[in-house]
Protein backbone atom coordinates (compact mmCIF):
# COMPACT_ATOMS: atom_id res chain seq x y z
CA MET A 1 11.37 5.38 18.71
CA ASN A 2 13.11 2.43 16.51
CA ALA A 3 12.57 3.03 12.89
CA ILE A 4 12.26 0.21 10.48
CA ASN A 5 15.46 -1.72 9.79
CA PRO A 6 17.39 0.28 7.09
CA ALA A 7 18.27 -3.22 5.51
CA GLY A 8 14.67 -3.61 4.99
CA PRO A 9 12.97 -6.78 3.30
CA ALA A 10 15.40 -7.91 0.62
CA ASP A 11 12.57 -8.33 -1.88
CA LEU A 12 11.50 -4.68 -1.78
CA ALA A 13 14.64 -3.64 -3.73
CA GLU A 14 13.81 -2.04 -6.98
CA ARG A 15 10.11 -2.09 -6.09
CA VAL A 16 8.28 1.18 -7.13
CA VAL A 17 5.83 2.80 -4.64
CA ILE A 18 3.65 5.64 -4.65
CA VAL A 19 2.84 7.18 -1.32
CA THR A 20 0.26 9.96 -1.15
CA GLY A 21 0.04 12.33 1.64
CA ALA A 22 3.90 12.08 1.81
CA GLY A 23 4.57 15.69 3.08
CA SER A 24 4.13 14.95 6.67
CA GLY A 25 3.19 12.37 9.31
CA ILE A 26 2.49 8.87 8.39
CA GLY A 27 2.98 9.55 4.73
CA ARG A 28 6.33 11.07 5.12
CA ALA A 29 7.42 8.24 7.52
CA ALA A 30 6.19 5.74 4.76
CA ALA A 31 8.13 7.08 2.18
CA ARG A 32 11.29 6.91 3.98
CA ALA A 33 10.61 3.61 5.32
CA PHE A 34 10.18 2.31 1.86
CA ALA A 35 13.24 3.99 0.76
CA HIS A 36 15.15 2.47 3.59
CA ALA A 37 13.85 -0.83 2.40
CA GLY A 38 15.22 -0.49 -0.99
CA ALA A 39 12.19 0.67 -2.91
CA ARG A 40 12.04 3.44 -5.28
CA VAL A 41 9.20 6.10 -4.13
CA LEU A 42 7.18 8.65 -5.57
CA GLY A 43 6.06 10.90 -2.64
CA VAL A 44 2.83 12.97 -3.40
CA GLY A 45 1.29 15.90 -1.84
CA ARG A 46 0.03 19.37 -1.93
CA ARG A 47 3.06 21.14 -0.87
CA ASN A 48 6.26 20.88 -2.72
CA ASP A 49 8.35 22.40 0.09
CA ALA A 50 6.93 19.81 2.67
CA LEU A 51 7.75 17.03 -0.06
CA GLU A 52 11.34 18.36 -0.44
CA GLU A 53 11.83 17.84 3.31
CA THR A 54 10.55 14.41 3.24
CA ALA A 55 13.04 13.43 0.21
CA ALA A 56 16.02 15.28 1.78
CA GLU A 57 18.75 12.95 1.96
CA HIS A 58 16.76 10.15 0.79
CA PRO A 59 17.87 9.73 -3.08
CA ALA A 60 15.31 6.97 -3.71
CA ILE A 61 12.35 9.45 -2.92
CA ALA A 62 11.20 11.57 -5.93
CA ILE A 63 8.45 14.03 -5.35
CA HIS A 64 5.33 15.11 -7.09
CA ALA A 65 3.28 17.97 -5.87
CA ALA A 66 -0.48 17.69 -6.81
CA ASP A 67 -4.04 18.24 -5.60
CA LEU A 68 -5.49 14.81 -5.49
CA SER A 69 -8.89 15.98 -5.69
CA ALA A 70 -8.38 17.87 -8.98
CA LEU A 71 -9.62 16.50 -12.35
CA GLY A 72 -6.95 14.42 -13.97
CA THR A 73 -4.58 14.19 -11.18
CA PRO A 74 -4.63 10.34 -10.48
CA GLU A 75 -3.57 9.65 -14.10
CA GLU A 76 -0.96 12.28 -13.99
CA VAL A 77 0.63 10.89 -10.54
CA VAL A 78 0.65 7.34 -11.91
CA ASP A 79 2.07 8.50 -15.20
CA ALA A 80 4.78 10.23 -13.25
CA ALA A 81 5.87 6.95 -11.62
CA ILE A 82 5.70 5.02 -14.87
CA ASP A 83 7.62 7.63 -16.80
CA ARG A 84 10.41 7.69 -14.29
CA TRP A 85 10.70 4.12 -13.49
CA GLY A 86 8.75 2.06 -15.92
CA LYS A 87 6.51 0.23 -13.55
CA LEU A 88 4.46 0.46 -10.30
CA ASP A 89 4.32 -2.21 -7.56
CA VAL A 90 2.56 -0.63 -4.69
CA LEU A 91 0.08 2.13 -4.24
CA VAL A 92 -0.25 3.52 -0.69
CA ASN A 93 -3.46 5.63 -0.46
CA ASN A 94 -2.59 7.60 2.65
CA ALA A 95 -3.65 11.03 1.90
CA GLY A 96 -6.84 12.18 3.69
CA ALA A 97 -8.57 14.99 5.46
CA ALA A 98 -10.17 14.98 8.95
CA LYS A 99 -12.66 17.55 9.89
CA VAL A 100 -14.73 18.45 12.99
CA MET A 101 -18.26 18.73 11.76
CA PRO A 102 -21.18 18.11 14.21
CA LEU A 103 -24.38 17.37 12.51
CA ALA A 104 -25.74 20.97 13.50
CA ASP A 105 -22.87 22.44 11.30
CA THR A 106 -23.02 19.82 8.48
CA THR A 107 -22.88 21.38 5.00
CA ALA A 108 -22.96 19.71 1.49
CA ALA A 109 -19.54 21.30 0.78
CA GLY A 110 -17.98 19.87 3.93
CA ILE A 111 -19.29 16.40 3.18
CA THR A 112 -18.23 16.52 -0.43
CA ALA A 113 -14.60 17.90 0.49
CA LEU A 114 -14.24 15.04 2.95
CA PHE A 115 -15.39 12.31 0.51
CA ASP A 116 -13.61 13.81 -2.55
CA LEU A 117 -10.23 13.38 -0.65
CA ASN A 118 -10.84 10.25 1.48
CA VAL A 119 -12.83 8.09 -0.88
CA VAL A 120 -12.99 9.46 -4.48
CA ALA A 121 -9.35 10.30 -4.72
CA PRO A 122 -8.03 6.85 -3.56
CA SER A 123 -10.53 5.03 -5.77
CA LEU A 124 -9.45 6.86 -8.93
CA LEU A 125 -5.72 6.59 -8.05
CA ALA A 126 -6.40 2.70 -7.78
CA HIS A 127 -8.32 2.85 -11.06
CA ALA A 128 -5.40 4.64 -12.83
CA ALA A 129 -2.81 2.24 -11.24
CA LEU A 130 -4.73 -0.88 -11.95
CA PRO A 131 -3.17 -1.88 -15.29
CA HIS A 132 0.41 -1.54 -13.86
CA LEU A 133 -0.55 -3.41 -10.58
CA ARG A 134 -1.92 -6.28 -12.88
CA HIS A 135 1.37 -6.42 -14.66
CA SER A 136 3.26 -6.57 -11.56
CA ARG A 137 0.94 -8.46 -9.34
CA GLY A 138 1.23 -5.68 -6.98
CA SER A 139 -0.54 -4.44 -3.83
CA ILE A 140 -2.89 -1.59 -2.72
CA ILE A 141 -2.50 -0.16 0.88
CA ASN A 142 -5.26 2.02 2.19
CA VAL A 143 -4.79 4.05 5.09
CA SER A 144 -7.89 4.24 7.25
CA SER A 145 -8.38 5.13 10.98
CA THR A 146 -9.60 3.55 14.22
CA TYR A 147 -12.67 5.56 13.48
CA GLY A 148 -13.42 3.85 10.29
CA HIS A 149 -15.04 1.27 12.53
CA ARG A 150 -15.92 3.01 15.89
CA PRO A 151 -18.02 6.16 16.50
CA LEU A 152 -16.63 9.65 16.33
CA PRO A 153 -19.17 12.19 17.70
CA GLY A 154 -18.69 15.49 16.16
CA GLY A 155 -16.82 13.96 13.22
CA ALA A 156 -19.31 11.47 11.91
CA HIS A 157 -18.58 12.18 8.10
CA TYR A 158 -14.88 11.80 8.52
CA ALA A 159 -15.62 8.34 10.18
CA ALA A 160 -17.92 7.53 7.44
CA SER A 161 -15.42 8.25 4.77
CA LYS A 162 -12.85 5.88 6.43
CA ALA A 163 -15.64 3.15 6.90
CA ALA A 164 -16.19 3.56 3.17
CA LEU A 165 -12.41 3.10 2.53
CA GLU A 166 -12.33 -0.11 4.56
CA GLN A 167 -15.39 -1.35 2.71
CA LEU A 168 -13.51 -0.55 -0.53
CA THR A 169 -10.54 -2.52 0.71
CA ARG A 170 -12.50 -5.69 1.20
CA SER A 171 -14.39 -5.35 -1.97
CA TRP A 172 -11.28 -4.60 -4.10
CA ALA A 173 -9.60 -7.50 -2.43
CA MET A 174 -12.07 -9.99 -3.66
CA GLU A 175 -12.36 -8.33 -7.14
CA LEU A 176 -8.69 -8.20 -7.92
CA ALA A 177 -7.62 -11.55 -6.28
CA ALA A 178 -7.64 -13.24 -9.51
CA ASP A 179 -4.93 -10.77 -10.83
CA GLY A 180 -2.74 -11.63 -7.81
CA ILE A 181 -3.17 -8.01 -6.32
CA ARG A 182 -3.45 -7.92 -2.63
CA VAL A 183 -5.48 -5.21 -1.00
CA ASN A 184 -5.20 -4.40 2.57
CA ALA A 185 -5.70 -1.48 4.90
CA LEU A 186 -4.08 -0.03 8.06
CA ALA A 187 -6.28 1.60 10.64
CA PRO A 188 -4.07 3.75 13.03
CA GLY A 189 -5.37 5.09 16.24
CA PRO A 190 -4.49 8.74 17.35
CA THR A 191 -0.90 9.40 15.88
CA GLU A 192 1.26 12.37 16.10
CA SER A 193 0.78 14.30 13.00
CA GLN A 194 -0.53 17.66 11.66
CA ALA A 195 -4.01 16.32 11.26
CA LEU A 196 -5.72 18.09 14.12
CA ALA A 197 -4.11 21.41 13.12
CA ALA A 198 -5.26 20.88 9.49
CA ALA A 199 -8.84 20.35 10.79
CA GLY A 200 -8.74 23.90 12.11
CA LEU A 201 -8.55 23.25 15.83
CA SER A 202 -6.67 25.74 18.02
CA ALA A 203 -3.61 24.90 19.95
CA PRO A 204 -5.33 24.67 23.35
CA ALA A 205 -8.07 22.41 21.75
CA ILE A 206 -5.30 20.14 20.19
CA GLU A 207 -3.47 19.61 23.40
CA GLN A 208 -6.82 18.84 25.28
CA ILE A 209 -7.77 16.13 22.56
CA LYS A 210 -4.19 14.71 22.63
CA ARG A 211 -4.49 14.38 26.64
CA GLU A 212 -7.93 12.84 26.43
CA GLU A 213 -6.90 10.51 23.68
CA ALA A 214 -3.67 9.26 25.39
CA SER A 215 -5.79 8.71 28.62
CA ARG A 216 -8.14 6.20 26.79
CA ILE A 217 -5.34 4.28 25.13
CA PRO A 218 -4.15 1.11 27.16
CA LEU A 219 -0.52 1.73 26.15
CA GLY A 220 -0.90 5.10 27.54
CA ARG A 221 0.12 7.37 24.79
CA ARG A 222 -0.37 8.33 21.06
CA GLY A 223 1.33 6.53 18.33
CA GLU A 224 4.32 7.69 16.20
CA PRO A 225 4.32 7.81 12.45
CA ASP A 226 7.46 5.38 12.29
CA GLU A 227 5.28 2.87 14.27
CA VAL A 228 2.62 3.06 11.66
CA ALA A 229 4.73 3.19 8.54
CA ALA A 230 6.72 0.02 9.59
CA TRP A 231 3.25 -1.84 9.19
CA ILE A 232 2.56 -0.21 5.83
CA VAL A 233 5.92 -1.51 4.56
CA ARG A 234 5.05 -5.05 6.04
CA LEU A 235 1.68 -5.14 4.22
CA ALA A 236 3.32 -4.24 1.11
CA ASP A 237 6.08 -6.82 1.36
CA PRO A 238 5.53 -9.30 -1.49
CA ALA A 239 6.58 -11.89 0.88
CA THR A 240 3.32 -11.30 2.60
CA THR A 241 1.83 -13.80 0.04
CA TRP A 242 -1.45 -14.90 1.62
CA LEU A 243 -2.75 -11.88 3.21
CA THR A 244 -5.50 -9.74 1.52
CA GLY A 245 -8.83 -7.87 2.37
CA GLN A 246 -7.71 -7.21 5.92
CA ILE A 247 -8.00 -4.10 8.19
CA LEU A 248 -4.97 -4.06 10.50
CA THR A 249 -5.73 -1.86 13.41
CA ILE A 250 -2.64 -0.38 15.17
CA ASP A 251 -3.85 1.80 18.02
CA GLY A 252 -2.15 0.91 21.32
CA GLY A 253 -5.05 -1.19 22.38
CA LEU A 254 -7.90 1.53 21.93
CA GLU A 255 -9.92 -0.73 20.02
CA LEU A 256 -10.25 -2.95 23.16
CA THR A 257 -11.77 -0.27 25.26
């Protein structure tokens, strides 16, 4: 799979980017893609060892281990970037959780945990980042899912949390346009990552899901993290001057089915 051009967009040089969920999958690929494009990146995630792997051989990536659902973490994360580099240009809200939770098994705790990470955390991160993004006339990129705008039987609350993130994207784009802040979202289809395992599914169940997903995708396969990361960088590129409030679906054509 071709990665983003290491020369990168020239005008991402010296830009400061926060990428959450940077320990694996799309977040790891995005952190590395921004670094290749000349940006200075703060990779945020729960596990320090996974973040160290992301940053290995990438001196432009600094890491910050934190639980984004914990009280005070959004301010802590933004302060870490500001203390290190003195500014912030891009916030990538990639961290999220998936959960298989049919209605018959739905609990208040399950709903709360999903929305805390998928909706509340990115909202509070954007709030903490806002003064700095106003100063830089920067950009927010939210990572949704194709299931933010299509049904997901057995995972309705995950889908609902991503739908909420997409509506936040549109509303923030309108609210912050006067500040010169662009807000967009990327909605990936099924992509190779650790999300299914993190959702508690067994290895045989994961393989079955992957086969079924690939069979429904017109291009005949699941996506790769680098393919998604390339579009995150493009949405953040300040040369993309007239694009805001958009949800870009990248799913191999699944949305057409």
